[in-house]
Every structure is written in structure tokens, then in C-alpha cells.
Amino acid sequence: MFKRYFKNFDFRGFKDFIYDLLKKYGFWNIQFYPDKREYFSDIQLCHVAPNSDFNNSNGFAQAWMKKQREVRRVSFDFWRQDNSAKISMTINLDKKYISLDKIEGNISSVQVEDAIKDNLKTYEKGLKNKMLVGKVLKNIWEIFVGVIIVVAGAILVYYVFGIK
């Protein structure tokens, strides 16, 4: 499906991403599968943050944020109550990505990716390298233009004023 990469994972943005799917696309049920399940209660494994309160310790996002050193990989399923759509995703803090692993029903991967882009600071792996190359080329161009201006100024001073 797709992978989007992040520099630092934003737990608040993650919760907002989940609520965005809830509000815009009607998803309701969620189940988390952390690599170390023993750190979470049954309630946390099926709630991002009850009542939309990020600081509520009964929510998965807040509990995971506190245990992020121990829990590095989480998969989750999110589906509509009428079972008309389901998505399966994975977040890997070590490899720094969020991926859409499976999608079923009447939702597109573009809609899921848009919800990620709206709530999490992510990038496509190749896109980051292209942006870096663009910045380097821009800096080289600016240096080149600066050198041309200095050389032209020196030539102008030499010929107009005869200063040696």
C-alpha cells in the first residue's frame, strides 16, 4: 500500500489522525497490537483516548507515549461499525515509518494518506532526498552568483577607477 516516514513520532498527531478517520470517514472500532502487549490494559488496546482527552491514561496513545522506549512497533486495525471498510496499519519507531498494510471496503488509500499528511509530519523516503538535493543546488547557485558579482565588481573597479 504505502509507507510514510517521520523524523520524530508525534503521539498527539497520531491521536488526531485516528480522530480524523473517525470524523471524516466514519471509522469507529480500533484494536492495537503492540509488540509488548503486557504494558497495556484491555481498555487501552481498543481506545486511542476516551472522550478525545489526550492526557487520559486509559487511552492507547498516552500509554504508549509513556512506554515508547519499550514498545517500538505497533500494528492496529480500524474499522467501521457496519464493516463497510477496514484498514490495517503499522507504526515502527525504530525504522521511523507508518504504513498502510491492508485496506478493505469503500475507502481509498489516498484518503488514509491524506489523513496522515494532515496530522503527522511525514515524508516519502525518496522525496526527502530530492528536497536535500534541491537545497544543495540552490546553495551552489547562490555561491556561484555571489562569486560572479564579486569578480565583476573587481573588474569594474580596476577599469573605471584604475585602482590596482
Protein backbone atom coordinates (compact mmCIF):
# COMPACT_ATOMS: atom_id res chain seq x y z
CA MET A 1 0.00 0.00 0.00
CA PHE A 2 2.28 2.84 1.25
CA LYS A 3 4.85 3.89 3.85
CA ARG A 4 5.42 7.40 5.14
CA TYR A 5 8.49 8.23 7.19
CA PHE A 6 8.94 10.59 10.12
CA LYS A 7 11.87 12.15 11.91
CA ASN A 8 10.20 12.16 15.34
CA PHE A 9 6.91 10.42 16.04
CA ASP A 10 4.17 12.78 17.21
CA PHE A 11 1.83 10.94 19.60
CA ARG A 12 -0.62 13.85 19.67
CA GLY A 13 -0.67 13.92 15.87
CA PHE A 14 -1.25 10.16 15.89
CA LYS A 15 -4.31 10.57 18.11
CA ASP A 16 -5.53 13.39 15.87
CA PHE A 17 -5.03 11.14 12.82
CA ILE A 18 -7.24 8.47 14.40
CA TYR A 19 -9.95 11.03 15.26
CA ASP A 20 -9.71 12.43 11.73
CA LEU A 21 -10.52 8.98 10.35
CA LEU A 22 -13.38 8.78 12.83
CA LYS A 23 -14.88 12.15 11.91
CA LYS A 24 -14.27 12.25 8.14
CA TYR A 25 -14.66 8.61 7.18
CA GLY A 26 -16.85 7.04 9.86
CA PHE A 27 -14.34 4.63 11.39
CA TRP A 28 -15.18 3.68 14.92
CA ASN A 29 -13.66 0.45 16.21
CA ILE A 30 -9.93 0.08 16.78
CA GLN A 31 -7.69 -2.67 18.05
CA PHE A 32 -3.98 -2.20 18.81
CA TYR A 33 -1.37 -4.96 18.63
CA PRO A 34 1.81 -3.64 20.31
CA ASP A 35 4.97 -5.73 20.22
CA LYS A 36 4.77 -5.89 24.05
CA ARG A 37 1.11 -6.28 24.93
CA GLU A 38 1.79 -6.71 28.68
CA TYR A 39 2.27 -2.94 29.12
CA PHE A 40 -1.35 -2.18 28.22
CA SER A 41 -4.78 -2.86 29.65
CA ASP A 42 -7.59 -4.32 27.57
CA ILE A 43 -9.28 -0.90 27.58
CA GLN A 44 -6.14 0.81 26.24
CA LEU A 45 -5.83 -1.75 23.45
CA CYS A 46 -9.16 -0.64 21.99
CA HIS A 47 -9.20 3.14 22.74
CA VAL A 48 -6.97 5.93 21.49
CA ALA A 49 -8.14 8.40 24.14
CA PRO A 50 -11.65 8.15 25.54
CA ASN A 51 -13.55 11.44 25.32
CA SER A 52 -10.86 12.87 23.00
CA ASP A 53 -8.67 13.70 26.03
CA PHE A 54 -5.04 13.14 25.03
CA ASN A 55 -3.87 13.07 28.66
CA ASN A 56 -6.33 10.34 29.65
CA SER A 57 -4.21 7.36 30.72
CA ASN A 58 -6.98 4.98 29.61
CA GLY A 59 -6.15 5.81 26.00
CA PHE A 60 -3.59 3.89 24.00
CA ALA A 61 -1.73 6.93 22.64
CA GLN A 62 -0.93 8.32 26.10
CA ALA A 63 0.01 4.90 27.50
CA TRP A 64 2.24 4.16 24.50
CA MET A 65 3.94 7.54 24.77
CA LYS A 66 4.96 6.64 28.34
CA LYS A 67 6.31 3.24 27.21
CA GLN A 68 7.82 4.20 23.87
CA ARG A 69 11.31 3.01 24.86
CA GLU A 70 9.96 -0.47 25.50
CA VAL A 71 7.26 -0.65 22.81
CA ARG A 72 8.77 0.14 19.43
CA ARG A 73 6.30 -1.40 16.99
CA VAL A 74 2.50 -1.28 16.96
CA SER A 75 0.07 -2.63 14.41
CA PHE A 76 -3.59 -1.72 14.52
CA ASP A 77 -6.87 -2.41 12.77
CA PHE A 78 -9.52 0.25 12.39
CA TRP A 79 -12.98 -0.47 11.01
CA ARG A 80 -16.44 0.96 10.62
CA GLN A 81 -19.28 -0.32 12.77
CA ASP A 82 -21.15 -1.56 9.70
CA ASN A 83 -17.96 -3.37 8.49
CA SER A 84 -18.09 -1.50 5.16
CA ALA A 85 -14.38 -0.60 5.45
CA LYS A 86 -11.32 -1.76 7.35
CA ILE A 87 -7.69 -0.67 7.40
CA SER A 88 -4.62 -2.33 8.93
CA MET A 89 -1.59 -0.20 9.70
CA THR A 90 1.80 -0.43 11.38
CA ILE A 91 3.96 2.14 13.15
CA ASN A 92 7.62 1.31 13.68
CA LEU A 93 9.52 3.75 15.90
CA ASP A 94 12.92 2.13 15.17
CA LYS A 95 12.58 2.30 11.39
CA LYS A 96 10.60 5.57 11.68
CA TYR A 97 7.62 4.83 9.47
CA ILE A 98 3.86 4.47 9.45
CA SER A 99 2.46 2.13 6.82
CA LEU A 100 -0.89 1.20 5.41
CA ASP A 101 -0.67 -2.60 5.24
CA LYS A 102 -4.18 -3.57 4.17
CA ILE A 103 -7.35 -1.82 3.10
CA GLU A 104 -10.80 -3.28 2.51
CA GLY A 105 -14.13 -1.78 1.54
CA ASN A 106 -15.19 1.68 0.49
CA ILE A 107 -12.20 3.79 1.48
CA SER A 108 -9.16 4.58 -0.62
CA SER A 109 -5.52 4.60 0.38
CA VAL A 110 -5.43 8.25 -0.77
CA GLN A 111 -7.98 9.16 1.93
CA VAL A 112 -5.91 7.41 4.61
CA GLU A 113 -2.69 9.04 3.36
CA ASP A 114 -4.37 12.47 3.36
CA ALA A 115 -5.40 11.96 6.99
CA ILE A 116 -1.78 11.12 7.83
CA LYS A 117 -0.45 14.17 5.96
CA ASP A 118 -2.98 16.41 7.74
CA ASN A 119 -1.96 15.24 11.23
CA LEU A 120 1.58 13.86 11.21
CA LYS A 121 4.82 15.36 9.91
CA THR A 122 5.86 12.67 7.46
CA TYR A 123 7.59 12.40 4.11
CA GLU A 124 8.09 9.90 1.32
CA LYS A 125 11.57 8.38 1.52
CA GLY A 126 12.64 9.46 -1.98
CA LEU A 127 11.09 12.91 -1.53
CA LYS A 128 13.38 13.78 1.39
CA ASN A 129 16.46 13.05 -0.74
CA LYS A 130 15.06 15.15 -3.62
CA MET A 131 14.43 18.06 -1.24
CA LEU A 132 18.01 17.79 0.08
CA VAL A 133 19.45 17.80 -3.46
CA GLY A 134 17.32 20.84 -4.30
CA LYS A 135 18.64 22.74 -1.27
CA VAL A 136 22.26 21.88 -2.14
CA LEU A 137 21.79 23.02 -5.75
CA LYS A 138 20.17 26.26 -4.57
CA ASN A 139 23.13 26.94 -2.23
CA ILE A 140 25.66 26.22 -5.01
CA TRP A 141 23.78 28.59 -7.33
CA GLU A 142 23.74 31.34 -4.69
CA ILE A 143 27.51 30.94 -4.13
CA PHE A 144 28.16 30.99 -7.89
CA VAL A 145 26.13 34.19 -8.35
CA GLY A 146 27.96 35.77 -5.40
CA VAL A 147 31.38 34.95 -6.90
CA ILE A 148 30.33 36.39 -10.29
CA ILE A 149 29.21 39.63 -8.62
CA VAL A 150 32.49 39.96 -6.71
CA VAL A 151 34.60 39.29 -9.83
CA ALA A 152 32.53 41.72 -11.91
CA GLY A 153 32.87 44.36 -9.20
CA ALA A 154 36.64 43.90 -9.06
CA ILE A 155 36.93 44.20 -12.85
CA LEU A 156 34.73 47.31 -12.82
CA VAL A 157 36.83 48.97 -10.10
CA TYR A 158 40.06 48.11 -11.94
CA TYR A 159 38.98 49.56 -15.31
CA VAL A 160 36.84 52.52 -14.21
CA PHE A 161 38.93 53.84 -11.37
CA GLY A 162 42.29 52.43 -12.37
CA ILE A 163 42.83 51.10 -8.85
CA LYS A 164 45.34 48.34 -8.78
